[in-house]
Amino acid sequence: MDYSRAPRSRGLSRLERLWGSRSVAGLLGVILLAGGLPDATAAEPTWRAGTAKAVITPQQPLWMAGYGGRTRPAEGKYHDLYIRVLVLEDARGHRGAILSSDTLGIPQPIYETVVARLHAAHGLDRSQIMLNASHTHCGPVLTHALYDVYPLDDSQRKMIEDYSTHFIDTIVGAFDQALRSLEPVRVSRGLGVATFAVNRRTNREADVPALREQDRLMGPVDHSVPVLAVHRADGSLGAVLFAYACHNTVMDFYQWFGDYAGCAQFALEARHPGAAALFVMGCGGDQNPLPRRKVELAEQYGAQLADAVDAVLRHSLQPLAPRLDTAIELTPLALGPLPPPERLHELGQQANYAGRWAARMLKWQASGAAIPREYPYPVQAWRLGGKQLWITLGGEVVVDYSLRFKGEWGWETWVTAYANDVMAYIPSYRVLLEGGYEGQSSMQVYGQPAERWAADVEERVAAAVARVVARVPEAP
């Protein structure tokens, strides 16, 4: 979410110097140009897969999620919003169910309900289910998320609740359809590059065009484009899943819009008729598509991303054996303290999200009810083909995490975020110390009973990642 301009960083860390945009893009460019990687057709069709797609465009004027300065509900659509699902089944019958959605984030109540229903209907456990949000800022507010941000009355909350119920039914129905359509496939992986993401903490938005020309953009980025390709037995493309670490914040108008990710999905599906294109978000909590604020730019970035995916599909796919291992942990992240009552009273005078948040915190304290001091944070790991490690994290995760985990488990590791629950920003220790929007004030936006996470947030996440990765070991 992008409610305010973030401050400039105080300087480059060792991590930034090692993993700047030129080094990452250069390394991946060498891989793409090398050309000698095996083609997808080398693998036998011993996986099975199914896909489904459904429109989720609200039919009523709901409030839009993503910008705190919005003053009214949506006024129409630029294009439809969608969910897309992909179900994979390995040679042992173990399944993985993936959702891609044109939403800001999947709130915890929706995640828990979908998990329960898929378990009851299909026997899937939590580790086998991955619910992803593209983080478009032109999608609807969903149940129990961002209620402090907008001046919602009872009728508007009722519309949000009704829409969210329908949204859950649509997700479950799409998975039902995908499971009914399982067919033999080949599954392959690859890695591409797209370079439009910019670290928003270290580059002032107005300066970005000049900094690009001068090759002087600063700060850590992850310009990799992980690609998972699913080919049918006849060689046609059935599905392609791809990721990128960048906010979907090109547009801030009042029309439903999937932003650059939506444009990329449309472009790929137009280029590959009969295929489903699923976007998942990387660790883009501190990354923006810059410049922005024109639909033409969203379409341009979407085309760049689709080009990166197509380059992988043409030249650098590696087949994956029909094996899927899955693990998940809900690990407790400690919340920092609430501000003192006098600070909450001061904030409560403001006619904005900070004021509504502070007023709710004061009411909560006065009720005598226990205020949580931890949050159950989802950390997930999949291993595909006994090789490809895919780590997913909840919340708006900053890019430091992606670079850290690639340093620990290899540059080809996929690290994505905005998965299974989007409850707040997840700052690294560096960003937490620097403060600013991602490190501190955004906690009010998400309604958490604290102004920041505890100081050990990065190490708690890293320890949980290590535990789930250990449960999906690489095949010998």
Foldseek 3Di string as FASTA:
>chain_A
DCADFWAADPDDDPLQVVFPPVVQQVVQVCQLVVQPADALVVDDLQKKKFKFKDFLADPDQAQFDDYLPDDGGFDAAPDTWMKMWMWIAFNVRDIAIEIFTLHLFDAQVLLVVLQVVCCVVPVDHPQRYKYFYLNARQHHDAPLWLPLSYPDDPVNNVSRDVSNVVVSVVVNVRVVRRVVPIAGKWKWKDKFFDPQKAQSNNDPQVCVVVCVVVVNGGDHANGMKIKMWIAHPVGATAEIEIEGQEHQPQADHRHRDSFLQVLLQVVLCVVRPNHGYGYGYALNLRIYRPPGHDSVSSNVSSVRSNVRRVSCNVGPIHTAHRDKDKDKFQFKFFFDAADPLVVLVVQLVDPGSSNSLSVVLVVVVVVVDDADGIGRWMWMWMDTNLHAIEIETEANHHCVVVSVVCVVVNVRHHYGYSMSHHQAAQYDLSCLVVDTCSNFCRNSSSSHRHRGTPNCRNVSNVVRNVVNQVRSHRDD
